[in-house]
Amino acid sequence: MSANSGLSGDLDVSETNIKTKIWVQALVRQVNGQGAFAVIAHRGDEDAGAVLVKLYQPGVGATVLTQVRTGDGRRAWMRATGPEPVPEPDADRYIERQRDIDMDLWVVEIEDREGRHPLGDPIL
């Protein structure tokens, strides 16, 4: 999955105290409005649940991104499944393991044929 942030109007609420539920709903609306496809695969804690984002590009594979904080406290994303896309079943297994650990976890799945991602925060 490429790291380009090609969807216009990247969702950037990294420095606000917006509730997770609202942020996730806005992300899904944004992605679906720009010709890609996003769904909430698992709902977590509405106020402060962590978020995993599975980016899937047909024919290429999937990348799971997890929220992290930079040294100066800003939100960023880490490629939890490694630097290169993995087969979708591998990504799904990773997500299931994380859900077993954190029941408050949100999971958003995004499919985009062009491999774009809508996250306004940096991917490490």
PDB file of N, CA and C in Angstrom:
ATOM      1  N   MET A   1       0.862  -1.165   0.000  1.00  0.00           N
ATOM      2  CA  MET A   1       0.000   0.000   0.000  1.00  0.00           C
ATOM      3  C   MET A   1       0.902   1.219   0.000  1.00  0.00           C
ATOM      4  N   SER A   2       0.667   2.091  -0.895  1.00  0.00           N
ATOM      5  CA  SER A   2       1.498   3.283  -0.967  1.00  0.00           C
ATOM      6  C   SER A   2       1.166   4.219   0.165  1.00  0.00           C
ATOM      7  N   ALA A   3       2.132   5.049   0.521  1.00  0.00           N
ATOM      8  CA  ALA A   3       1.945   5.977   1.634  1.00  0.00           C
ATOM      9  C   ALA A   3       1.422   7.316   1.169  1.00  0.00           C
ATOM     10  N   ASN A   4       1.069   7.406  -0.108  1.00  0.00           N
ATOM     11  CA  ASN A   4       0.587   8.699  -0.574  1.00  0.00           C
ATOM     12  C   ASN A   4      -0.780   8.987  -0.003  1.00  0.00           C
ATOM     13  N   SER A   5      -1.000  10.224   0.288  1.00  0.00           N
ATOM     14  CA  SER A   5      -2.245  10.634   0.917  1.00  0.00           C
ATOM     15  C   SER A   5      -3.103  11.309  -0.129  1.00  0.00           C
ATOM     16  N   GLY A   6      -3.478  10.564  -1.148  1.00  0.00           N
ATOM     17  CA  GLY A   6      -4.107  11.127  -2.320  1.00  0.00           C
ATOM     18  C   GLY A   6      -5.556  11.527  -2.200  1.00  0.00           C
ATOM     19  N   LEU A   7      -6.275  11.105  -1.178  1.00  0.00           N
ATOM     20  CA  LEU A   7      -7.659  11.532  -1.051  1.00  0.00           C
ATOM     21  C   LEU A   7      -7.670  12.983  -0.606  1.00  0.00           C
ATOM     22  N   SER A   8      -8.454  13.788  -1.305  1.00  0.00           N
ATOM     23  CA  SER A   8      -8.453  15.216  -0.981  1.00  0.00           C
ATOM     24  C   SER A   8      -9.149  15.470   0.336  1.00  0.00           C
ATOM     25  N   GLY A   9      -8.776  16.564   0.989  1.00  0.00           N
ATOM     26  CA  GLY A   9      -9.409  16.958   2.234  1.00  0.00           C
ATOM     27  C   GLY A   9      -9.074  16.012   3.365  1.00  0.00           C
ATOM     28  N   ASP A  10      -7.796  15.621   3.480  1.00  0.00           N
ATOM     29  CA  ASP A  10      -7.391  14.682   4.516  1.00  0.00           C
ATOM     30  C   ASP A  10      -7.983  15.057   5.856  1.00  0.00           C
ATOM     31  N   LEU A  11      -8.500  14.062   6.560  1.00  0.00           N
ATOM     32  CA  LEU A  11      -9.102  14.261   7.866  1.00  0.00           C
ATOM     33  C   LEU A  11      -7.997  14.550   8.864  1.00  0.00           C
ATOM     34  N   ASP A  12      -7.980  15.743   9.415  1.00  0.00           N
ATOM     35  CA  ASP A  12      -6.922  16.119  10.344  1.00  0.00           C
ATOM     36  C   ASP A  12      -7.535  16.724  11.593  1.00  0.00           C
ATOM     37  N   VAL A  13      -7.769  15.859  12.552  1.00  0.00           N
ATOM     38  CA  VAL A  13      -8.271  16.321  13.841  1.00  0.00           C
ATOM     39  C   VAL A  13      -7.297  15.886  14.930  1.00  0.00           C
ATOM     40  N   SER A  14      -6.045  15.783  14.573  1.00  0.00           N
ATOM     41  CA  SER A  14      -5.051  15.201  15.459  1.00  0.00           C
ATOM     42  C   SER A  14      -4.837  15.997  16.740  1.00  0.00           C
ATOM     43  N   GLU A  15      -5.087  17.262  16.716  1.00  0.00           N
ATOM     44  CA  GLU A  15      -4.797  18.056  17.899  1.00  0.00           C
ATOM     45  C   GLU A  15      -6.059  18.488  18.643  1.00  0.00           C
ATOM     46  N   THR A  16      -7.195  17.908  18.319  1.00  0.00           N
ATOM     47  CA  THR A  16      -8.428  18.243  19.013  1.00  0.00           C
ATOM     48  C   THR A  16      -8.828  17.096  19.928  1.00  0.00           C
ATOM     49  N   ASN A  17      -9.717  17.372  20.828  1.00  0.00           N
ATOM     50  CA  ASN A  17     -10.192  16.346  21.748  1.00  0.00           C
ATOM     51  C   ASN A  17     -11.522  15.782  21.283  1.00  0.00           C
ATOM     52  N   ILE A  18     -11.625  15.508  20.029  1.00  0.00           N
ATOM     53  CA  ILE A  18     -12.854  14.975  19.461  1.00  0.00           C
ATOM     54  C   ILE A  18     -13.038  13.523  19.911  1.00  0.00           C
ATOM     55  N   LYS A  19     -14.276  13.138  20.169  1.00  0.00           N
ATOM     56  CA  LYS A  19     -14.556  11.762  20.584  1.00  0.00           C
ATOM     57  C   LYS A  19     -14.258  10.812  19.430  1.00  0.00           C
ATOM     58  N   THR A  20     -13.786   9.627  19.784  1.00  0.00           N
ATOM     59  CA  THR A  20     -13.408   8.643  18.775  1.00  0.00           C
ATOM     60  C   THR A  20     -14.568   8.323  17.839  1.00  0.00           C
ATOM     61  N   LYS A  21     -15.760   8.154  18.371  1.00  0.00           N
ATOM     62  CA  LYS A  21     -16.919   7.813  17.538  1.00  0.00           C
ATOM     63  C   LYS A  21     -17.130   8.856  16.445  1.00  0.00           C
ATOM     64  N   ILE A  22     -17.040  10.128  16.789  1.00  0.00           N
ATOM     65  CA  ILE A  22     -17.247  11.212  15.827  1.00  0.00           C
ATOM     66  C   ILE A  22     -16.123  11.202  14.789  1.00  0.00           C
ATOM     67  N   TRP A  23     -14.894  11.015  15.223  1.00  0.00           N
ATOM     68  CA  TRP A  23     -13.742  10.995  14.313  1.00  0.00           C
ATOM     69  C   TRP A  23     -13.876   9.849  13.314  1.00  0.00           C
ATOM     70  N   VAL A  24     -14.251   8.667  13.810  1.00  0.00           N
ATOM     71  CA  VAL A  24     -14.387   7.499  12.934  1.00  0.00           C
ATOM     72  C   VAL A  24     -15.517   7.720  11.925  1.00  0.00           C
ATOM     73  N   GLN A  25     -16.645   8.231  12.393  1.00  0.00           N
ATOM     74  CA  GLN A  25     -17.764   8.474  11.477  1.00  0.00           C
ATOM     75  C   GLN A  25     -17.378   9.486  10.397  1.00  0.00           C
ATOM     76  N   ALA A  26     -16.639  10.518  10.767  1.00  0.00           N
ATOM     77  CA  ALA A  26     -16.196  11.511   9.787  1.00  0.00           C
ATOM     78  C   ALA A  26     -15.230  10.892   8.781  1.00  0.00           C
ATOM     79  N   LEU A  27     -14.341  10.040   9.251  1.00  0.00           N
ATOM     80  CA  LEU A  27     -13.401   9.352   8.362  1.00  0.00           C
ATOM     81  C   LEU A  27     -14.147   8.504   7.339  1.00  0.00           C
ATOM     82  N   VAL A  28     -15.111   7.729   7.794  1.00  0.00           N
ATOM     83  CA  VAL A  28     -15.880   6.863   6.894  1.00  0.00           C
ATOM     84  C   VAL A  28     -16.640   7.697   5.874  1.00  0.00           C
ATOM     85  N   ARG A  29     -17.271   8.754   6.318  1.00  0.00           N
ATOM     86  CA  ARG A  29     -18.017   9.636   5.401  1.00  0.00           C
ATOM     87  C   ARG A  29     -17.099  10.248   4.358  1.00  0.00           C
ATOM     88  N   GLN A  30     -15.935  10.715   4.797  1.00  0.00           N
ATOM     89  CA  GLN A  30     -14.976  11.330   3.884  1.00  0.00           C
ATOM     90  C   GLN A  30     -14.517  10.349   2.821  1.00  0.00           C
ATOM     91  N   VAL A  31     -14.127   9.156   3.242  1.00  0.00           N
ATOM     92  CA  VAL A  31     -13.619   8.150   2.311  1.00  0.00           C
ATOM     93  C   VAL A  31     -14.696   7.763   1.299  1.00  0.00           C
ATOM     94  N   ASN A  32     -15.894   7.477   1.788  1.00  0.00           N
ATOM     95  CA  ASN A  32     -16.980   7.065   0.897  1.00  0.00           C
ATOM     96  C   ASN A  32     -17.377   8.185  -0.058  1.00  0.00           C
ATOM     97  N   GLY A  33     -17.246   9.424   0.371  1.00  0.00           N
ATOM     98  CA  GLY A  33     -17.583  10.557  -0.485  1.00  0.00           C
ATOM     99  C   GLY A  33     -16.556  10.834  -1.563  1.00  0.00           C
ATOM    100  N   GLN A  34     -15.400  10.179  -1.471  1.00  0.00           N
ATOM    101  CA  GLN A  34     -14.332  10.437  -2.432  1.00  0.00           C
ATOM    102  C   GLN A  34     -14.057   9.247  -3.343  1.00  0.00           C
ATOM    103  N   GLY A  35     -15.012   8.334  -3.402  1.00  0.00           N
ATOM    104  CA  GLY A  35     -14.885   7.257  -4.371  1.00  0.00           C
ATOM    105  C   GLY A  35     -14.194   6.005  -3.890  1.00  0.00           C
ATOM    106  N   ALA A  36     -13.721   5.986  -2.664  1.00  0.00           N
ATOM    107  CA  ALA A  36     -13.182   4.761  -2.088  1.00  0.00           C
ATOM    108  C   ALA A  36     -14.307   4.160  -1.237  1.00  0.00           C
ATOM    109  N   PHE A  37     -14.020   3.112  -0.509  1.00  0.00           N
ATOM    110  CA  PHE A  37     -15.041   2.442   0.289  1.00  0.00           C
ATOM    111  C   PHE A  37     -14.517   2.242   1.700  1.00  0.00           C
ATOM    112  N   ALA A  38     -15.293   2.681   2.700  1.00  0.00           N
ATOM    113  CA  ALA A  38     -14.900   2.507   4.099  1.00  0.00           C
ATOM    114  C   ALA A  38     -16.081   2.024   4.908  1.00  0.00           C
ATOM    115  N   VAL A  39     -15.790   1.159   5.867  1.00  0.00           N
ATOM    116  CA  VAL A  39     -16.802   0.676   6.805  1.00  0.00           C
ATOM    117  C   VAL A  39     -16.195   0.600   8.199  1.00  0.00           C
ATOM    118  N   ILE A  40     -17.059   0.701   9.185  1.00  0.00           N
ATOM    119  CA  ILE A  40     -16.651   0.460  10.564  1.00  0.00           C
ATOM    120  C   ILE A  40     -16.816  -1.040  10.790  1.00  0.00           C
ATOM    121  N   ALA A  41     -15.709  -1.739  10.916  1.00  0.00           N
ATOM    122  CA  ALA A  41     -15.745  -3.190  11.079  1.00  0.00           C
ATOM    123  C   ALA A  41     -15.945  -3.595  12.528  1.00  0.00           C
ATOM    124  N   HIS A  42     -15.553  -2.729  13.454  1.00  0.00           N
ATOM    125  CA  HIS A  42     -15.752  -2.992  14.879  1.00  0.00           C
ATOM    126  C   HIS A  42     -15.842  -1.666  15.611  1.00  0.00           C
ATOM    127  N   ARG A  43     -16.855  -1.564  16.462  1.00  0.00           N
ATOM    128  CA  ARG A  43     -17.049  -0.354  17.263  1.00  0.00           C
ATOM    129  C   ARG A  43     -16.414  -0.549  18.632  1.00  0.00           C
ATOM    130  N   GLY A  44     -15.684   0.476  19.047  1.00  0.00           N
ATOM    131  CA  GLY A  44     -15.038   0.427  20.352  1.00  0.00           C
ATOM    132  C   GLY A  44     -15.631   1.459  21.294  1.00  0.00           C
ATOM    133  N   ASP A  45     -14.834   1.886  22.241  1.00  0.00           N
ATOM    134  CA  ASP A  45     -15.263   2.896  23.202  1.00  0.00           C
ATOM    135  C   ASP A  45     -15.556   4.191  22.457  1.00  0.00           C
ATOM    136  N   GLU A  46     -16.762   4.724  22.652  1.00  0.00           N
ATOM    137  CA  GLU A  46     -17.199   5.893  21.882  1.00  0.00           C
ATOM    138  C   GLU A  46     -16.414   7.155  22.194  1.00  0.00           C
ATOM    139  N   ASP A  47     -15.880   7.246  23.396  1.00  0.00           N
ATOM    140  CA  ASP A  47     -15.195   8.475  23.791  1.00  0.00           C
ATOM    141  C   ASP A  47     -13.698   8.464  23.499  1.00  0.00           C
ATOM    142  N   ALA A  48     -13.044   7.347  23.799  1.00  0.00           N
ATOM    143  CA  ALA A  48     -11.585   7.370  23.726  1.00  0.00           C
ATOM    144  C   ALA A  48     -10.968   6.056  23.269  1.00  0.00           C
ATOM    145  N   GLY A  49     -11.695   5.247  22.513  1.00  0.00           N
ATOM    146  CA  GLY A  49     -11.133   3.992  22.040  1.00  0.00           C
ATOM    147  C   GLY A  49     -10.020   4.220  21.028  1.00  0.00           C
ATOM    148  N   ALA A  50      -9.051   3.324  21.029  1.00  0.00           N
ATOM    149  CA  ALA A  50      -7.990   3.373  20.023  1.00  0.00           C
ATOM    150  C   ALA A  50      -8.573   2.939  18.680  1.00  0.00           C
ATOM    151  N   VAL A  51      -7.881   3.286  17.592  1.00  0.00           N
ATOM    152  CA  VAL A  51      -8.369   2.993  16.250  1.00  0.00           C
ATOM    153  C   VAL A  51      -7.298   2.248  15.459  1.00  0.00           C
ATOM    154  N   LEU A  52      -7.722   1.162  14.805  1.00  0.00           N
ATOM    155  CA  LEU A  52      -6.913   0.501  13.787  1.00  0.00           C
ATOM    156  C   LEU A  52      -7.561   0.800  12.450  1.00  0.00           C
ATOM    157  N   VAL A  53      -6.749   1.069  11.442  1.00  0.00           N
ATOM    158  CA  VAL A  53      -7.254   1.295  10.094  1.00  0.00           C
ATOM    159  C   VAL A  53      -6.615   0.258   9.183  1.00  0.00           C
ATOM    160  N   LYS A  54      -7.472  -0.544   8.540  1.00  0.00           N
ATOM    161  CA  LYS A  54      -6.972  -1.506   7.549  1.00  0.00           C
ATOM    162  C   LYS A  54      -7.154  -0.874   6.182  1.00  0.00           C
ATOM    163  N   LEU A  55      -6.038  -0.658   5.493  1.00  0.00           N
ATOM    164  CA  LEU A  55      -6.047  -0.125   4.134  1.00  0.00           C
ATOM    165  C   LEU A  55      -5.858  -1.303   3.185  1.00  0.00           C
ATOM    166  N   TYR A  56      -6.823  -1.511   2.319  1.00  0.00           N
ATOM    167  CA  TYR A  56      -6.747  -2.629   1.383  1.00  0.00           C
ATOM    168  C   TYR A  56      -6.762  -2.116  -0.042  1.00  0.00           C
ATOM    169  N   GLN A  57      -5.778  -2.561  -0.819  1.00  0.00           N
ATOM    170  CA  GLN A  57      -5.717  -2.236  -2.234  1.00  0.00           C
ATOM    171  C   GLN A  57      -5.810  -3.547  -3.004  1.00  0.00           C
ATOM    172  N   PRO A  58      -6.928  -3.754  -3.731  1.00  0.00           N
ATOM    173  CA  PRO A  58      -7.097  -5.006  -4.467  1.00  0.00           C
ATOM    174  C   PRO A  58      -5.891  -5.303  -5.364  1.00  0.00           C
ATOM    175  N   GLY A  59      -5.452  -6.550  -5.321  1.00  0.00           N
ATOM    176  CA  GLY A  59      -4.319  -6.967  -6.136  1.00  0.00           C
ATOM    177  C   GLY A  59      -2.966  -6.663  -5.522  1.00  0.00           C
ATOM    178  N   VAL A  60      -2.949  -5.881  -4.456  1.00  0.00           N
ATOM    179  CA  VAL A  60      -1.686  -5.513  -3.807  1.00  0.00           C
ATOM    180  C   VAL A  60      -1.607  -6.099  -2.408  1.00  0.00           C
ATOM    181  N   GLY A  61      -2.639  -5.890  -1.601  1.00  0.00           N
ATOM    182  CA  GLY A  61      -2.650  -6.406  -0.233  1.00  0.00           C
ATOM    183  C   GLY A  61      -3.164  -5.371   0.737  1.00  0.00           C
ATOM    184  N   ALA A  62      -2.921  -5.649   2.000  1.00  0.00           N
ATOM    185  CA  ALA A  62      -3.456  -4.804   3.069  1.00  0.00           C
ATOM    186  C   ALA A  62      -2.343  -4.333   4.000  1.00  0.00           C
ATOM    187  N   THR A  63      -2.565  -3.172   4.567  1.00  0.00           N
ATOM    188  CA  THR A  63      -1.695  -2.606   5.587  1.00  0.00           C
ATOM    189  C   THR A  63      -2.575  -2.201   6.755  1.00  0.00           C
ATOM    190  N   VAL A  64      -2.198  -2.597   7.959  1.00  0.00           N
ATOM    191  CA  VAL A  64      -2.935  -2.175   9.143  1.00  0.00           C
ATOM    192  C   VAL A  64      -2.138  -1.066   9.812  1.00  0.00           C
ATOM    193  N   LEU A  65      -2.828   0.042  10.037  1.00  0.00           N
ATOM    194  CA  LEU A  65      -2.215   1.183  10.713  1.00  0.00           C
ATOM    195  C   LEU A  65      -2.779   1.294  12.123  1.00  0.00           C
ATOM    196  N   THR A  66      -1.917   1.582  13.072  1.00  0.00           N
ATOM    197  CA  THR A  66      -2.322   1.776  14.453  1.00  0.00           C
ATOM    198  C   THR A  66      -1.892   3.152  14.926  1.00  0.00           C
ATOM    199  N   GLN A  67      -2.691   3.745  15.783  1.00  0.00           N
ATOM    200  CA  GLN A  67      -2.382   5.078  16.287  1.00  0.00           C
ATOM    201  C   GLN A  67      -1.198   5.013  17.236  1.00  0.00           C
ATOM    202  N   VAL A  68      -0.323   5.992  17.102  1.00  0.00           N
ATOM    203  CA  VAL A  68       0.793   6.178  18.031  1.00  0.00           C
ATOM    204  C   VAL A  68       0.925   7.675  18.296  1.00  0.00           C
ATOM    205  N   ARG A  69       1.746   8.028  19.232  1.00  0.00           N
ATOM    206  CA  ARG A  69       2.058   9.432  19.512  1.00  0.00           C
ATOM    207  C   ARG A  69       3.535   9.661  19.243  1.00  0.00           C
ATOM    208  N   THR A  70       3.837  10.801  18.634  1.00  0.00           N
ATOM    209  CA  THR A  70       5.227  11.163  18.396  1.00  0.00           C
ATOM    210  C   THR A  70       5.841  11.653  19.704  1.00  0.00           C
ATOM    211  N   GLY A  71       7.124  11.901  19.689  1.00  0.00           N
ATOM    212  CA  GLY A  71       7.817  12.385  20.881  1.00  0.00           C
ATOM    213  C   GLY A  71       7.262  13.683  21.422  1.00  0.00           C
ATOM    214  N   ASP A  72       6.683  14.497  20.539  1.00  0.00           N
ATOM    215  CA  ASP A  72       6.112  15.763  21.000  1.00  0.00           C
ATOM    216  C   ASP A  72       4.602  15.666  21.242  1.00  0.00           C
ATOM    217  N   GLY A  73       4.070  14.438  21.277  1.00  0.00           N
ATOM    218  CA  GLY A  73       2.678  14.226  21.656  1.00  0.00           C
ATOM    219  C   GLY A  73       1.653  14.282  20.544  1.00  0.00           C
ATOM    220  N   ARG A  74       2.087  14.477  19.311  1.00  0.00           N
ATOM    221  CA  ARG A  74       1.123  14.516  18.197  1.00  0.00           C
ATOM    222  C   ARG A  74       0.806  13.109  17.721  1.00  0.00           C
ATOM    223  N   ARG A  75      -0.421  12.955  17.162  1.00  0.00           N
ATOM    224  CA  ARG A  75      -0.825  11.651  16.666  1.00  0.00           C
ATOM    225  C   ARG A  75      -0.125  11.362  15.343  1.00  0.00           C
ATOM    226  N   ALA A  76       0.247  10.097  15.201  1.00  0.00           N
ATOM    227  CA  ALA A  76       0.813   9.588  13.950  1.00  0.00           C
ATOM    228  C   ALA A  76       0.288   8.162  13.814  1.00  0.00           C
ATOM    229  N   TRP A  77       0.673   7.501  12.751  1.00  0.00           N
ATOM    230  CA  TRP A  77       0.243   6.132  12.488  1.00  0.00           C
ATOM    231  C   TRP A  77       1.469   5.270  12.236  1.00  0.00           C
ATOM    232  N   MET A  78       1.416   4.033  12.691  1.00  0.00           N
ATOM    233  CA  MET A  78       2.505   3.089  12.491  1.00  0.00           C
ATOM    234  C   MET A  78       1.975   1.922  11.669  1.00  0.00           C
ATOM    235  N   ARG A  79       2.787   1.443  10.750  1.00  0.00           N
ATOM    236  CA  ARG A  79       2.428   0.260   9.947  1.00  0.00           C
ATOM    237  C   ARG A  79       2.576  -0.981  10.828  1.00  0.00           C
ATOM    238  N   ALA A  80       1.484  -1.400  11.422  1.00  0.00           N
ATOM    239  CA  ALA A  80       1.523  -2.494  12.390  1.00  0.00           C
ATOM    240  C   ALA A  80       1.833  -3.833  11.741  1.00  0.00           C
ATOM    241  N   THR A  81       1.532  -3.973  10.465  1.00  0.00           N
ATOM    242  CA  THR A  81       1.780  -5.242   9.768  1.00  0.00           C
ATOM    243  C   THR A  81       3.079  -5.208   8.965  1.00  0.00           C
ATOM    244  N   GLY A  82       3.904  -4.211   9.196  1.00  0.00           N
ATOM    245  CA  GLY A  82       5.193  -4.141   8.525  1.00  0.00           C
ATOM    246  C   GLY A  82       5.211  -3.132   7.391  1.00  0.00           C
ATOM    247  N   PRO A  83       6.381  -2.925   6.792  1.00  0.00           N
ATOM    248  CA  PRO A  83       6.543  -1.870   5.795  1.00  0.00           C
ATOM    249  C   PRO A  83       5.855  -2.142   4.458  1.00  0.00           C
ATOM    250  N   GLU A  84       5.598  -3.398   4.141  1.00  0.00           N
ATOM    251  CA  GLU A  84       4.975  -3.761   2.870  1.00  0.00           C
ATOM    252  C   GLU A  84       3.585  -4.336   3.114  1.00  0.00           C
ATOM    253  N   PRO A  85       2.689  -4.189   2.139  1.00  0.00           N
ATOM    254  CA  PRO A  85       1.364  -4.793   2.279  1.00  0.00           C
ATOM    255  C   PRO A  85       1.469  -6.310   2.474  1.00  0.00           C
ATOM    256  N   VAL A  86       0.516  -6.842   3.209  1.00  0.00           N
ATOM    257  CA  VAL A  86       0.459  -8.279   3.483  1.00  0.00           C
ATOM    258  C   VAL A  86      -0.844  -8.827   2.887  1.00  0.00           C
ATOM    259  N   PRO A  87      -0.945 -10.148   2.731  1.00  0.00           N
ATOM    260  CA  PRO A  87      -2.225 -10.710   2.284  1.00  0.00           C
ATOM    261  C   PRO A  87      -3.342 -10.329   3.266  1.00  0.00           C
ATOM    262  N   GLU A  88      -4.529 -10.092   2.735  1.00  0.00           N
ATOM    263  CA  GLU A  88      -5.632  -9.636   3.579  1.00  0.00           C
ATOM    264  C   GLU A  88      -5.904 -10.563   4.770  1.00  0.00           C
ATOM    265  N   PRO A  89      -5.853 -11.894   4.620  1.00  0.00           N
ATOM    266  CA  PRO A  89      -6.080 -12.752   5.796  1.00  0.00           C
ATOM    267  C   PRO A  89      -5.065 -12.516   6.916  1.00  0.00           C
ATOM    268  N   ASP A  90      -3.815 -12.181   6.561  1.00  0.00           N
ATOM    269  CA  ASP A  90      -2.805 -11.875   7.575  1.00  0.00           C
ATOM    270  C   ASP A  90      -3.186 -10.603   8.328  1.00  0.00           C
ATOM    271  N   ALA A  91      -3.652  -9.607   7.612  1.00  0.00           N
ATOM    272  CA  ALA A  91      -4.080  -8.359   8.244  1.00  0.00           C
ATOM    273  C   ALA A  91      -5.267  -8.623   9.166  1.00  0.00           C
ATOM    274  N   ASP A  92      -6.204  -9.439   8.706  1.00  0.00           N
ATOM    275  CA  ASP A  92      -7.382  -9.757   9.522  1.00  0.00           C
ATOM    276  C   ASP A  92      -6.990 -10.496  10.803  1.00  0.00           C
ATOM    277  N   ARG A  93      -6.021 -11.393  10.718  1.00  0.00           N
ATOM    278  CA  ARG A  93      -5.556 -12.111  11.917  1.00  0.00           C
ATOM    279  C   ARG A  93      -4.914 -11.145  12.909  1.00  0.00           C
ATOM    280  N   TYR A  94      -4.124 -10.195  12.400  1.00  0.00           N
ATOM    281  CA  TYR A  94      -3.519  -9.198  13.280  1.00  0.00           C
ATOM    282  C   TYR A  94      -4.611  -8.411  14.012  1.00  0.00           C
ATOM    283  N   ILE A  95      -5.623  -7.991  13.266  1.00  0.00           N
ATOM    284  CA  ILE A  95      -6.714  -7.213  13.864  1.00  0.00           C
ATOM    285  C   ILE A  95      -7.433  -8.039  14.927  1.00  0.00           C
ATOM    286  N   GLU A  96      -7.702  -9.294  14.660  1.00  0.00           N
ATOM    287  CA  GLU A  96      -8.386 -10.148  15.641  1.00  0.00           C
ATOM    288  C   GLU A  96      -7.569 -10.279  16.920  1.00  0.00           C
ATOM    289  N   ARG A  97      -6.255 -10.448  16.778  1.00  0.00           N
ATOM    290  CA  ARG A  97      -5.401 -10.535  17.978  1.00  0.00           C
ATOM    291  C   ARG A  97      -5.489  -9.253  18.792  1.00  0.00           C
ATOM    292  N   GLN A  98      -5.493  -8.117  18.115  1.00  0.00           N
ATOM    293  CA  GLN A  98      -5.568  -6.842  18.831  1.00  0.00           C
ATOM    294  C   GLN A  98      -6.932  -6.662  19.504  1.00  0.00           C
ATOM    295  N   ARG A  99      -7.984  -7.091  18.841  1.00  0.00           N
ATOM    296  CA  ARG A  99      -9.330  -7.004  19.435  1.00  0.00           C
ATOM    297  C   ARG A  99      -9.453  -7.898  20.654  1.00  0.00           C
ATOM    298  N   ASP A 100      -8.756  -9.045  20.648  1.00  0.00           N
ATOM    299  CA  ASP A 100      -8.767  -9.924  21.827  1.00  0.00           C
ATOM    300  C   ASP A 100      -8.114  -9.242  23.023  1.00  0.00           C
ATOM    301  N   ILE A 101      -7.160  -8.374  22.759  1.00  0.00           N
ATOM    302  CA  ILE A 101      -6.446  -7.659  23.819  1.00  0.00           C
ATOM    303  C   ILE A 101      -7.220  -6.422  24.272  1.00  0.00           C
ATOM    304  N   ASP A 102      -7.823  -5.705  23.326  1.00  0.00           N
ATOM    305  CA  ASP A 102      -8.478  -4.417  23.614  1.00  0.00           C
ATOM    306  C   ASP A 102      -9.895  -4.420  23.053  1.00  0.00           C
ATOM    307  N   MET A 103     -10.865  -4.669  23.891  1.00  0.00           N
ATOM    308  CA  MET A 103     -12.261  -4.722  23.456  1.00  0.00           C
ATOM    309  C   MET A 103     -12.808  -3.329  23.114  1.00  0.00           C
ATOM    310  N   ASP A 104     -12.114  -2.265  23.519  1.00  0.00           N
ATOM    311  CA  ASP A 104     -12.546  -0.898  23.226  1.00  0.00           C
ATOM    312  C   ASP A 104     -12.020  -0.390  21.894  1.00  0.00           C
ATOM    313  N   LEU A 105     -11.373  -1.244  21.139  1.00  0.00           N
ATOM    314  CA  LEU A 105     -10.717  -0.895  19.888  1.00  0.00           C
ATOM    315  C   LEU A 105     -11.726  -0.694  18.759  1.00  0.00           C
ATOM    316  N   TRP A 106     -11.539   0.372  17.994  1.00  0.00           N
ATOM    317  CA  TRP A 106     -12.302   0.612  16.762  1.00  0.00           C
ATOM    318  C   TRP A 106     -11.497   0.055  15.596  1.00  0.00           C
ATOM    319  N   VAL A 107     -12.190  -0.511  14.603  1.00  0.00           N
ATOM    320  CA  VAL A 107     -11.522  -0.980  13.391  1.00  0.00           C
ATOM    321  C   VAL A 107     -12.261  -0.387  12.195  1.00  0.00           C
ATOM    322  N   VAL A 108     -11.523   0.350  11.378  1.00  0.00           N
ATOM    323  CA  VAL A 108     -12.072   0.917  10.148  1.00  0.00           C
ATOM    324  C   VAL A 108     -11.366   0.238   8.987  1.00  0.00           C
ATOM    325  N   GLU A 109     -12.145  -0.278   8.047  1.00  0.00           N
ATOM    326  CA  GLU A 109     -11.576  -0.904   6.857  1.00  0.00           C
ATOM    327  C   GLU A 109     -11.821   0.001   5.661  1.00  0.00           C
ATOM    328  N   ILE A 110     -10.744   0.279   4.936  1.00  0.00           N
ATOM    329  CA  ILE A 110     -10.807   1.148   3.762  1.00  0.00           C
ATOM    330  C   ILE A 110     -10.279   0.366   2.565  1.00  0.00           C
ATOM    331  N   GLU A 111     -11.064   0.362   1.494  1.00  0.00           N
ATOM    332  CA  GLU A 111     -10.616  -0.244   0.239  1.00  0.00           C
ATOM    333  C   GLU A 111     -10.532   0.850  -0.803  1.00  0.00           C
ATOM    334  N   ASP A 112      -9.365   0.958  -1.410  1.00  0.00           N
ATOM    335  CA  ASP A 112      -9.165   1.965  -2.449  1.00  0.00           C
ATOM    336  C   ASP A 112      -8.290   1.359  -3.531  1.00  0.00           C
ATOM    337  N   ARG A 113      -8.806   1.302  -4.740  1.00  0.00           N
ATOM    338  CA  ARG A 113      -8.068   0.704  -5.858  1.00  0.00           C
ATOM    339  C   ARG A 113      -6.758   1.438  -6.145  1.00  0.00           C
ATOM    340  N   GLU A 114      -6.695   2.707  -5.790  1.00  0.00           N
ATOM    341  CA  GLU A 114      -5.491   3.494  -6.059  1.00  0.00           C
ATOM    342  C   GLU A 114      -4.499   3.490  -4.898  1.00  0.00           C
ATOM    343  N   GLY A 115      -4.862   2.875  -3.775  1.00  0.00           N
ATOM    344  CA  GLY A 115      -3.935   2.776  -2.655  1.00  0.00           C
ATOM    345  C   GLY A 115      -3.776   4.052  -1.853  1.00  0.00           C
ATOM    346  N   ARG A 116      -4.724   4.967  -1.981  1.00  0.00           N
ATOM    347  CA  ARG A 116      -4.646   6.225  -1.226  1.00  0.00           C
ATOM    348  C   ARG A 116      -5.101   6.003   0.209  1.00  0.00           C
ATOM    349  N   HIS A 117      -4.686   6.887   1.077  1.00  0.00           N
ATOM    350  CA  HIS A 117      -5.202   6.876   2.438  1.00  0.00           C
ATOM    351  C   HIS A 117      -5.625   8.286   2.814  1.00  0.00           C
ATOM    352  N   PRO A 118      -6.640   8.408   3.664  1.00  0.00           N
ATOM    353  CA  PRO A 118      -7.178   9.725   3.997  1.00  0.00           C
ATOM    354  C   PRO A 118      -6.660  10.307   5.298  1.00  0.00           C
ATOM    355  N   LEU A 119      -5.685   9.682   5.913  1.00  0.00           N
ATOM    356  CA  LEU A 119      -5.252  10.116   7.231  1.00  0.00           C
ATOM    357  C   LEU A 119      -4.332  11.319   7.115  1.00  0.00           C
ATOM    358  N   GLY A 120      -4.675  12.387   7.803  1.00  0.00           N
ATOM    359  CA  GLY A 120      -3.894  13.608   7.728  1.00  0.00           C
ATOM    360  C   GLY A 120      -2.621  13.567   8.561  1.00  0.00           C
ATOM    361  N   ASP A 121      -2.521  12.591   9.435  1.00  0.00           N
ATOM    362  CA  ASP A 121      -1.356  12.465  10.295  1.00  0.00           C
ATOM    363  C   ASP A 121      -0.269  11.651   9.582  1.00  0.00           C
ATOM    364  N   PRO A 122       0.984  11.850   9.970  1.00  0.00           N
ATOM    365  CA  PRO A 122       2.069  11.119   9.307  1.00  0.00           C
ATOM    366  C   PRO A 122       2.004   9.622   9.584  1.00  0.00           C
ATOM    367  N   ILE A 123       2.485   8.843   8.607  1.00  0.00           N
ATOM    368  CA  ILE A 123       2.627   7.402   8.780  1.00  0.00           C
ATOM    369  C   ILE A 123       4.112   7.126   8.937  1.00  0.00           C
ATOM    370  N   LEU A 124       4.449   6.508  10.058  1.00  0.00           N
ATOM    371  CA  LEU A 124       5.855   6.238  10.366  1.00  0.00           C
ATOM    372  C   LEU A 124       6.312   4.912   9.807  1.00  0.00           C
TER     373      LEU A 124
END
